Amino acid sequence: MAIHRGLLYGAAMASALWLAGCAVEVQNLQPAQELAAQVKPPGSVYTGWRVFQDKCARCHGSAATGTASGPDLRPRVGEMGSRRFINLVLRRYDWNIPAAQAGSESAAREALVESVMQRQAGALAMPAWEGEPRVNAHIVDLYAYLSARAQGTQGPGRPAP
């Protein structure tokens, strides 16, 4: 009888632990979108803000809201992920034509290059920053700042360090 009672207690204890584990699992079933919204991009918003002020604010405004020289970056960055952002900023000029055409020998690209060479169009709008050490070293931070501005989690002022 004592062996039966020990087995019953053991089974009851194992069942209770199993049910407790299930209860924890049920409590953690948040929609994936909620969890994804809580994940911040890697990088420092503050460091990105400092690089932005030094290298980008002259054309895009101190709050990334745009000027006559450069567009508002918030909607543009809000539509792209970090990989696309890094590729666009570091490796190509912004010619106001799709990225696929800008990297190819398309007729649109060639016409633009020709008009720049003939001085019929202005200079290329934005330089590629691949050779700039400060931008290169902090491109993830720059994306963190602009992404926070695009999502509305960072206001126009200086972020906290």
N, C-alpha and C. Protein backbone atom coordinates (compact mmCIF):
# COMPACT_ATOMS: atom_id res chain seq x y z
N MET A 1 0.81 -1.19 0.00
CA MET A 1 0.00 0.00 0.00
C MET A 1 0.86 1.26 0.00
N ALA A 2 1.96 1.27 0.71
CA ALA A 2 2.86 2.42 0.78
C ALA A 2 3.50 2.68 -0.59
N ILE A 3 3.79 1.60 -1.34
CA ILE A 3 4.37 1.76 -2.67
C ILE A 3 3.34 2.39 -3.60
N HIS A 4 2.08 1.94 -3.50
CA HIS A 4 1.02 2.52 -4.32
C HIS A 4 0.84 4.01 -4.02
N ARG A 5 0.85 4.33 -2.73
CA ARG A 5 0.67 5.72 -2.33
C ARG A 5 1.83 6.57 -2.86
N GLY A 6 3.08 6.09 -2.83
CA GLY A 6 4.24 6.79 -3.35
C GLY A 6 4.13 6.99 -4.85
N LEU A 7 3.67 5.97 -5.55
CA LEU A 7 3.49 6.09 -7.01
C LEU A 7 2.40 7.11 -7.34
N LEU A 8 1.32 7.09 -6.55
CA LEU A 8 0.25 8.05 -6.78
C LEU A 8 0.73 9.48 -6.54
N TYR A 9 1.47 9.68 -5.44
CA TYR A 9 2.02 11.02 -5.18
C TYR A 9 2.98 11.45 -6.27
N GLY A 10 3.81 10.52 -6.70
CA GLY A 10 4.77 10.82 -7.76
C GLY A 10 4.07 11.18 -9.06
N ALA A 11 3.02 10.41 -9.41
CA ALA A 11 2.26 10.69 -10.63
C ALA A 11 1.53 12.01 -10.51
N ALA A 12 0.97 12.28 -9.33
CA ALA A 12 0.27 13.56 -9.13
C ALA A 12 1.24 14.72 -9.24
N MET A 13 2.42 14.57 -8.68
CA MET A 13 3.43 15.63 -8.74
C MET A 13 3.89 15.85 -10.18
N ALA A 14 4.14 14.78 -10.92
CA ALA A 14 4.56 14.90 -12.32
C ALA A 14 3.47 15.57 -13.14
N SER A 15 2.21 15.20 -12.89
CA SER A 15 1.09 15.82 -13.61
C SER A 15 0.99 17.31 -13.30
N ALA A 16 1.18 17.65 -12.04
CA ALA A 16 1.10 19.06 -11.64
C ALA A 16 2.21 19.87 -12.31
N LEU A 17 3.41 19.33 -12.35
CA LEU A 17 4.51 20.03 -13.02
C LEU A 17 4.25 20.16 -14.51
N TRP A 18 3.73 19.11 -15.12
CA TRP A 18 3.43 19.15 -16.55
C TRP A 18 2.37 20.21 -16.84
N LEU A 19 1.31 20.25 -16.03
CA LEU A 19 0.26 21.25 -16.20
C LEU A 19 0.79 22.66 -15.96
N ALA A 20 1.67 22.81 -14.99
CA ALA A 20 2.25 24.14 -14.75
C ALA A 20 3.05 24.60 -15.96
N GLY A 21 3.76 23.69 -16.57
CA GLY A 21 4.50 24.02 -17.78
C GLY A 21 3.57 24.42 -18.90
N CYS A 22 2.45 23.75 -19.02
CA CYS A 22 1.46 24.11 -20.05
C CYS A 22 0.87 25.49 -19.78
N ALA A 23 0.62 25.79 -18.51
CA ALA A 23 0.05 27.09 -18.16
C ALA A 23 1.01 28.21 -18.55
N VAL A 24 2.29 28.00 -18.32
CA VAL A 24 3.28 29.01 -18.70
C VAL A 24 3.29 29.16 -20.21
N GLU A 25 3.23 28.06 -20.93
CA GLU A 25 3.24 28.10 -22.39
C GLU A 25 2.02 28.85 -22.91
N VAL A 26 0.85 28.64 -22.32
CA VAL A 26 -0.37 29.31 -22.76
C VAL A 26 -0.26 30.81 -22.52
N GLN A 27 0.34 31.21 -21.41
CA GLN A 27 0.48 32.63 -21.11
C GLN A 27 1.42 33.33 -22.08
N ASN A 28 2.34 32.62 -22.70
CA ASN A 28 3.32 33.22 -23.59
C ASN A 28 2.89 33.23 -25.04
N LEU A 29 1.67 32.94 -25.33
CA LEU A 29 1.21 32.90 -26.72
C LEU A 29 0.75 34.28 -27.17
N GLN A 30 1.67 35.20 -27.33
CA GLN A 30 1.37 36.51 -27.89
C GLN A 30 1.52 36.43 -29.39
N PRO A 31 0.76 37.21 -30.10
CA PRO A 31 0.94 37.21 -31.55
C PRO A 31 2.36 37.61 -31.92
N ALA A 32 2.88 36.99 -32.95
CA ALA A 32 4.25 37.24 -33.39
C ALA A 32 4.47 38.72 -33.73
N GLN A 33 3.43 39.37 -34.23
CA GLN A 33 3.57 40.79 -34.59
C GLN A 33 3.84 41.65 -33.36
N GLU A 34 3.19 41.32 -32.24
CA GLU A 34 3.44 42.06 -31.00
C GLU A 34 4.88 41.90 -30.56
N LEU A 35 5.35 40.67 -30.62
CA LEU A 35 6.74 40.41 -30.23
C LEU A 35 7.70 41.11 -31.17
N ALA A 36 7.43 41.09 -32.46
CA ALA A 36 8.30 41.74 -33.44
C ALA A 36 8.33 43.24 -33.22
N ALA A 37 7.21 43.83 -32.81
CA ALA A 37 7.16 45.27 -32.58
C ALA A 37 8.02 45.67 -31.39
N GLN A 38 8.24 44.74 -30.45
CA GLN A 38 9.04 45.03 -29.27
C GLN A 38 10.53 44.94 -29.56
N VAL A 39 10.90 44.29 -30.66
CA VAL A 39 12.30 44.11 -31.00
C VAL A 39 12.81 45.37 -31.68
N LYS A 40 13.86 45.94 -31.14
CA LYS A 40 14.45 47.15 -31.72
C LYS A 40 15.57 46.73 -32.66
N PRO A 41 15.79 47.51 -33.73
CA PRO A 41 16.91 47.17 -34.61
C PRO A 41 18.22 47.32 -33.85
N PRO A 42 19.23 46.55 -34.24
CA PRO A 42 20.51 46.71 -33.56
C PRO A 42 21.08 48.09 -33.86
N GLY A 43 21.90 48.56 -33.00
CA GLY A 43 22.50 49.86 -33.20
C GLY A 43 22.03 50.85 -32.16
N SER A 44 22.74 51.94 -32.06
CA SER A 44 22.45 52.98 -31.09
C SER A 44 21.76 54.15 -31.78
N VAL A 45 20.57 54.48 -31.30
CA VAL A 45 19.83 55.62 -31.85
C VAL A 45 20.62 56.91 -31.63
N TYR A 46 21.23 57.04 -30.46
CA TYR A 46 22.00 58.24 -30.16
C TYR A 46 23.21 58.39 -31.09
N THR A 47 23.98 57.33 -31.25
CA THR A 47 25.14 57.38 -32.14
C THR A 47 24.70 57.65 -33.57
N GLY A 48 23.61 57.02 -34.00
CA GLY A 48 23.08 57.27 -35.33
C GLY A 48 22.68 58.72 -35.52
N TRP A 49 22.09 59.30 -34.49
CA TRP A 49 21.70 60.72 -34.53
C TRP A 49 22.95 61.60 -34.71
N ARG A 50 24.02 61.28 -33.99
CA ARG A 50 25.25 62.07 -34.10
C ARG A 50 25.84 61.99 -35.50
N VAL A 51 25.88 60.78 -36.08
CA VAL A 51 26.39 60.62 -37.44
C VAL A 51 25.48 61.36 -38.42
N PHE A 52 24.18 61.25 -38.22
CA PHE A 52 23.22 61.94 -39.09
C PHE A 52 23.46 63.45 -39.05
N GLN A 53 23.63 64.01 -37.86
CA GLN A 53 23.85 65.45 -37.74
C GLN A 53 25.12 65.87 -38.47
N ASP A 54 26.14 65.04 -38.41
CA ASP A 54 27.43 65.36 -39.03
C ASP A 54 27.42 65.18 -40.54
N LYS A 55 26.79 64.12 -41.04
CA LYS A 55 26.93 63.76 -42.45
C LYS A 55 25.67 63.95 -43.30
N CYS A 56 24.50 64.03 -42.69
CA CYS A 56 23.26 63.99 -43.48
C CYS A 56 22.34 65.20 -43.28
N ALA A 57 22.42 65.83 -42.10
CA ALA A 57 21.45 66.88 -41.75
C ALA A 57 21.52 68.08 -42.68
N ARG A 58 22.68 68.37 -43.24
CA ARG A 58 22.80 69.53 -44.12
C ARG A 58 21.79 69.46 -45.27
N CYS A 59 21.58 68.26 -45.82
CA CYS A 59 20.65 68.12 -46.93
C CYS A 59 19.26 67.64 -46.50
N HIS A 60 19.21 66.78 -45.49
CA HIS A 60 17.92 66.17 -45.11
C HIS A 60 17.27 66.83 -43.90
N GLY A 61 17.89 67.87 -43.34
CA GLY A 61 17.34 68.55 -42.18
C GLY A 61 17.76 67.87 -40.89
N SER A 62 17.85 68.62 -39.82
CA SER A 62 18.34 68.07 -38.55
C SER A 62 17.42 67.01 -37.97
N ALA A 63 16.16 66.97 -38.37
CA ALA A 63 15.22 65.97 -37.87
C ALA A 63 14.86 64.94 -38.94
N ALA A 64 15.59 64.91 -40.04
CA ALA A 64 15.37 63.97 -41.16
C ALA A 64 14.03 64.21 -41.85
N THR A 65 13.50 65.44 -41.74
CA THR A 65 12.19 65.75 -42.32
C THR A 65 12.30 66.36 -43.72
N GLY A 66 13.52 66.54 -44.20
CA GLY A 66 13.72 67.02 -45.56
C GLY A 66 13.95 68.52 -45.64
N THR A 67 14.59 68.91 -46.74
CA THR A 67 14.83 70.32 -47.07
C THR A 67 14.69 70.44 -48.58
N ALA A 68 15.01 71.60 -49.11
CA ALA A 68 14.99 71.78 -50.56
C ALA A 68 16.08 70.94 -51.23
N SER A 69 17.12 70.57 -50.47
CA SER A 69 18.23 69.80 -51.02
C SER A 69 18.05 68.29 -50.92
N GLY A 70 17.24 67.84 -49.99
CA GLY A 70 17.08 66.40 -49.79
C GLY A 70 15.71 66.06 -49.25
N PRO A 71 15.19 64.88 -49.57
CA PRO A 71 13.83 64.51 -49.16
C PRO A 71 13.71 64.13 -47.69
N ASP A 72 12.48 64.08 -47.22
CA ASP A 72 12.14 63.56 -45.90
C ASP A 72 12.47 62.07 -45.91
N LEU A 73 13.33 61.64 -45.01
CA LEU A 73 13.77 60.25 -45.00
C LEU A 73 12.85 59.32 -44.22
N ARG A 74 11.97 59.85 -43.41
CA ARG A 74 11.13 59.01 -42.57
C ARG A 74 10.27 58.04 -43.37
N PRO A 75 9.51 58.49 -44.38
CA PRO A 75 8.70 57.51 -45.11
C PRO A 75 9.55 56.52 -45.91
N ARG A 76 10.67 56.97 -46.43
CA ARG A 76 11.53 56.08 -47.21
C ARG A 76 12.14 54.99 -46.35
N VAL A 77 12.67 55.36 -45.19
CA VAL A 77 13.30 54.38 -44.31
C VAL A 77 12.23 53.48 -43.69
N GLY A 78 11.05 54.03 -43.45
CA GLY A 78 9.97 53.23 -42.88
C GLY A 78 9.53 52.09 -43.78
N GLU A 79 9.80 52.21 -45.08
CA GLU A 79 9.39 51.17 -46.03
C GLU A 79 10.48 50.15 -46.31
N MET A 80 11.67 50.32 -45.76
CA MET A 80 12.76 49.41 -46.09
C MET A 80 13.38 48.80 -44.85
N GLY A 81 13.96 47.65 -45.02
CA GLY A 81 14.68 47.00 -43.94
C GLY A 81 16.12 47.48 -43.87
N SER A 82 16.83 47.00 -42.88
CA SER A 82 18.20 47.46 -42.66
C SER A 82 19.13 47.08 -43.81
N ARG A 83 18.97 45.90 -44.39
CA ARG A 83 19.86 45.49 -45.49
C ARG A 83 19.71 46.41 -46.70
N ARG A 84 18.49 46.72 -47.05
CA ARG A 84 18.27 47.60 -48.20
C ARG A 84 18.81 49.00 -47.90
N PHE A 85 18.57 49.49 -46.70
CA PHE A 85 19.07 50.79 -46.31
C PHE A 85 20.59 50.85 -46.44
N ILE A 86 21.26 49.86 -45.89
CA ILE A 86 22.73 49.83 -45.93
C ILE A 86 23.22 49.81 -47.37
N ASN A 87 22.59 49.00 -48.20
CA ASN A 87 23.00 48.92 -49.61
C ASN A 87 22.80 50.26 -50.32
N LEU A 88 21.67 50.89 -50.10
CA LEU A 88 21.39 52.16 -50.78
C LEU A 88 22.34 53.27 -50.33
N VAL A 89 22.58 53.36 -49.03
CA VAL A 89 23.41 54.45 -48.52
C VAL A 89 24.88 54.25 -48.88
N LEU A 90 25.37 53.03 -48.76
CA LEU A 90 26.79 52.81 -48.98
C LEU A 90 27.18 52.63 -50.44
N ARG A 91 26.31 52.05 -51.26
CA ARG A 91 26.80 51.59 -52.55
C ARG A 91 26.21 52.20 -53.80
N ARG A 92 25.25 53.08 -53.71
CA ARG A 92 24.74 53.67 -54.95
C ARG A 92 24.32 55.10 -54.74
N TYR A 93 24.28 55.81 -55.83
CA TYR A 93 23.76 57.16 -55.80
C TYR A 93 22.25 57.11 -55.92
N ASP A 94 21.58 58.08 -55.33
CA ASP A 94 20.14 58.16 -55.41
C ASP A 94 19.79 58.96 -56.67
N TRP A 95 19.51 58.26 -57.75
CA TRP A 95 19.22 58.91 -59.02
C TRP A 95 17.74 59.05 -59.29
N ASN A 96 16.94 58.80 -58.28
CA ASN A 96 15.48 58.85 -58.42
C ASN A 96 14.98 57.90 -59.49
N ILE A 97 15.69 56.81 -59.69
CA ILE A 97 15.21 55.72 -60.52
C ILE A 97 15.32 54.46 -59.69
N PRO A 98 14.54 53.43 -59.99
CA PRO A 98 14.55 52.22 -59.15
C PRO A 98 15.96 51.64 -59.00
N ALA A 99 16.20 51.03 -57.84
CA ALA A 99 17.52 50.48 -57.53
C ALA A 99 17.96 49.46 -58.57
N ALA A 100 17.05 48.67 -59.09
CA ALA A 100 17.42 47.66 -60.09
C ALA A 100 17.97 48.33 -61.35
N GLN A 101 17.40 49.45 -61.72
CA GLN A 101 17.87 50.16 -62.92
C GLN A 101 19.15 50.93 -62.63
N ALA A 102 19.29 51.47 -61.41
CA ALA A 102 20.47 52.26 -61.08
C ALA A 102 21.74 51.43 -61.13
N GLY A 103 21.64 50.15 -60.82
CA GLY A 103 22.82 49.30 -60.84
C GLY A 103 23.06 48.64 -62.18
N SER A 104 22.21 48.87 -63.14
CA SER A 104 22.36 48.22 -64.44
C SER A 104 22.74 49.25 -65.50
N GLU A 105 22.91 48.78 -66.69
CA GLU A 105 23.21 49.67 -67.82
C GLU A 105 21.92 49.97 -68.58
N SER A 106 20.87 50.32 -67.85
CA SER A 106 19.57 50.57 -68.46
C SER A 106 19.57 51.88 -69.25
N ALA A 107 18.61 52.00 -70.12
CA ALA A 107 18.47 53.21 -70.93
C ALA A 107 18.20 54.43 -70.05
N ALA A 108 17.38 54.25 -68.99
CA ALA A 108 17.06 55.37 -68.09
C ALA A 108 18.33 55.86 -67.39
N ARG A 109 19.15 54.94 -66.93
CA ARG A 109 20.39 55.31 -66.26
C ARG A 109 21.34 55.99 -67.23
N GLU A 110 21.47 55.44 -68.40
CA GLU A 110 22.38 56.02 -69.40
C GLU A 110 21.92 57.42 -69.81
N ALA A 111 20.62 57.62 -69.95
CA ALA A 111 20.10 58.95 -70.31
C ALA A 111 20.41 59.95 -69.19
N LEU A 112 20.27 59.52 -67.95
CA LEU A 112 20.58 60.41 -66.83
C LEU A 112 22.06 60.75 -66.81
N VAL A 113 22.91 59.75 -66.96
CA VAL A 113 24.35 59.99 -66.97
C VAL A 113 24.72 60.96 -68.09
N GLU A 114 24.13 60.77 -69.24
CA GLU A 114 24.41 61.65 -70.38
C GLU A 114 23.97 63.07 -70.09
N SER A 115 22.80 63.25 -69.49
CA SER A 115 22.33 64.61 -69.19
C SER A 115 23.20 65.28 -68.15
N VAL A 116 23.73 64.52 -67.19
CA VAL A 116 24.65 65.09 -66.20
C VAL A 116 25.95 65.50 -66.88
N MET A 117 26.46 64.64 -67.77
CA MET A 117 27.71 64.94 -68.46
C MET A 117 27.58 66.17 -69.36
N GLN A 118 26.42 66.37 -69.94
CA GLN A 118 26.19 67.52 -70.81
C GLN A 118 25.76 68.76 -70.02
N ARG A 119 25.76 68.63 -68.70
CA ARG A 119 25.36 69.70 -67.79
C ARG A 119 23.92 70.16 -68.02
N GLN A 120 23.09 69.24 -68.49
CA GLN A 120 21.67 69.54 -68.66
C GLN A 120 20.90 69.23 -67.38
N ALA A 121 21.46 68.38 -66.56
CA ALA A 121 20.84 68.05 -65.27
C ALA A 121 21.83 68.41 -64.18
N GLY A 122 21.33 68.59 -62.97
CA GLY A 122 22.21 68.93 -61.86
C GLY A 122 23.10 67.77 -61.48
N ALA A 123 23.91 68.01 -60.50
CA ALA A 123 24.80 66.96 -60.00
C ALA A 123 23.96 65.84 -59.39
N LEU A 124 24.56 64.69 -59.27
CA LEU A 124 23.86 63.57 -58.66
C LEU A 124 23.45 63.95 -57.25
N ALA A 125 22.26 63.53 -56.87
CA ALA A 125 21.66 64.02 -55.64
C ALA A 125 22.38 63.61 -54.37
N MET A 126 22.76 62.36 -54.24
CA MET A 126 23.33 61.91 -52.99
C MET A 126 24.53 61.02 -53.26
N PRO A 127 25.65 61.32 -52.66
CA PRO A 127 26.82 60.47 -52.89
C PRO A 127 26.69 59.13 -52.19
N ALA A 128 27.32 58.13 -52.75
CA ALA A 128 27.44 56.85 -52.05
C ALA A 128 28.47 57.05 -50.95
N TRP A 129 28.21 56.52 -49.77
CA TRP A 129 29.06 56.76 -48.61
C TRP A 129 30.01 55.60 -48.33
N GLU A 130 30.23 54.75 -49.29
CA GLU A 130 31.06 53.56 -49.08
C GLU A 130 32.47 53.92 -48.61
N GLY A 131 33.02 55.01 -49.10
CA GLY A 131 34.38 55.38 -48.75
C GLY A 131 34.49 56.27 -47.52
N GLU A 132 33.40 56.59 -46.88
CA GLU A 132 33.41 57.47 -45.71
C GLU A 132 33.51 56.61 -44.44
N PRO A 133 34.63 56.65 -43.74
CA PRO A 133 34.84 55.76 -42.60
C PRO A 133 33.81 55.93 -41.47
N ARG A 134 33.41 57.14 -41.19
CA ARG A 134 32.47 57.35 -40.07
C ARG A 134 31.09 56.79 -40.41
N VAL A 135 30.65 56.97 -41.63
CA VAL A 135 29.35 56.42 -42.03
C VAL A 135 29.46 54.90 -42.10
N ASN A 136 30.51 54.41 -42.70
CA ASN A 136 30.73 52.97 -42.79
C ASN A 136 30.70 52.30 -41.42
N ALA A 137 31.40 52.88 -40.46
CA ALA A 137 31.51 52.29 -39.14
C ALA A 137 30.21 52.35 -38.35
N HIS A 138 29.35 53.31 -38.69
CA HIS A 138 28.13 53.51 -37.90
C HIS A 138 26.85 53.41 -38.74
N ILE A 139 26.89 52.67 -39.83
CA ILE A 139 25.72 52.57 -40.70
C ILE A 139 24.54 51.92 -39.97
N VAL A 140 24.80 50.95 -39.10
CA VAL A 140 23.72 50.30 -38.35
C VAL A 140 23.12 51.29 -37.35
N ASP A 141 23.95 52.13 -36.76
CA ASP A 141 23.46 53.16 -35.85
C ASP A 141 22.62 54.19 -36.60
N LEU A 142 23.07 54.56 -37.78
CA LEU A 142 22.33 55.50 -38.61
C LEU A 142 20.95 54.93 -38.95
N TYR A 143 20.91 53.64 -39.28
CA TYR A 143 19.62 53.01 -39.55
C TYR A 143 18.75 52.98 -38.29
N ALA A 144 19.35 52.71 -37.14
CA ALA A 144 18.58 52.68 -35.89
C ALA A 144 17.92 54.04 -35.63
N TYR A 145 18.67 55.12 -35.85
CA TYR A 145 18.11 56.46 -35.65
C TYR A 145 16.99 56.75 -36.64
N LEU A 146 17.25 56.53 -37.92
CA LEU A 146 16.24 56.84 -38.94
C LEU A 146 15.02 55.93 -38.83
N SER A 147 15.24 54.69 -38.45
CA SER A 147 14.12 53.77 -38.25
C SER A 147 13.26 54.23 -37.07
N ALA A 148 13.90 54.68 -36.00
CA ALA A 148 13.15 55.20 -34.85
C ALA A 148 12.37 56.45 -35.23
N ARG A 149 12.96 57.31 -36.05
CA ARG A 149 12.24 58.50 -36.53
C ARG A 149 11.05 58.09 -37.39
N ALA A 150 11.26 57.10 -38.26
CA ALA A 150 10.19 56.65 -39.16
C ALA A 150 9.04 56.01 -38.39
N GLN A 151 9.36 55.28 -37.32
CA GLN A 151 8.33 54.61 -36.52
C GLN A 151 7.68 55.53 -35.50
N GLY A 152 8.25 56.71 -35.32
CA GLY A 152 7.70 57.65 -34.35
C GLY A 152 8.13 57.39 -32.93
N THR A 153 9.10 56.50 -32.71
CA THR A 153 9.57 56.24 -31.35
C THR A 153 10.67 57.21 -30.94
N GLN A 154 11.18 57.99 -31.88
CA GLN A 154 12.17 59.04 -31.59
C GLN A 154 11.66 60.35 -32.16
N GLY A 155 11.59 61.34 -31.33
CA GLY A 155 11.14 62.65 -31.77
C GLY A 155 12.24 63.38 -32.55
N PRO A 156 11.99 64.63 -32.92
CA PRO A 156 12.94 65.38 -33.72
C PRO A 156 14.18 65.85 -32.96
N GLY A 157 14.16 65.80 -31.66
CA GLY A 157 15.29 66.30 -30.87
C GLY A 157 16.39 65.26 -30.67
N ARG A 158 17.31 65.64 -29.80
CA ARG A 158 18.45 64.78 -29.48
C ARG A 158 17.99 63.59 -28.63
N PRO A 159 18.36 62.37 -29.04
CA PRO A 159 17.98 61.20 -28.23
C PRO A 159 18.86 61.11 -26.98
N ALA A 160 18.40 60.35 -26.02
CA ALA A 160 19.20 60.11 -24.81
C ALA A 160 20.36 59.19 -25.17
N PRO A 161 21.55 59.50 -24.64
CA PRO A 161 22.72 58.62 -24.93
C PRO A 161 22.57 57.24 -24.33
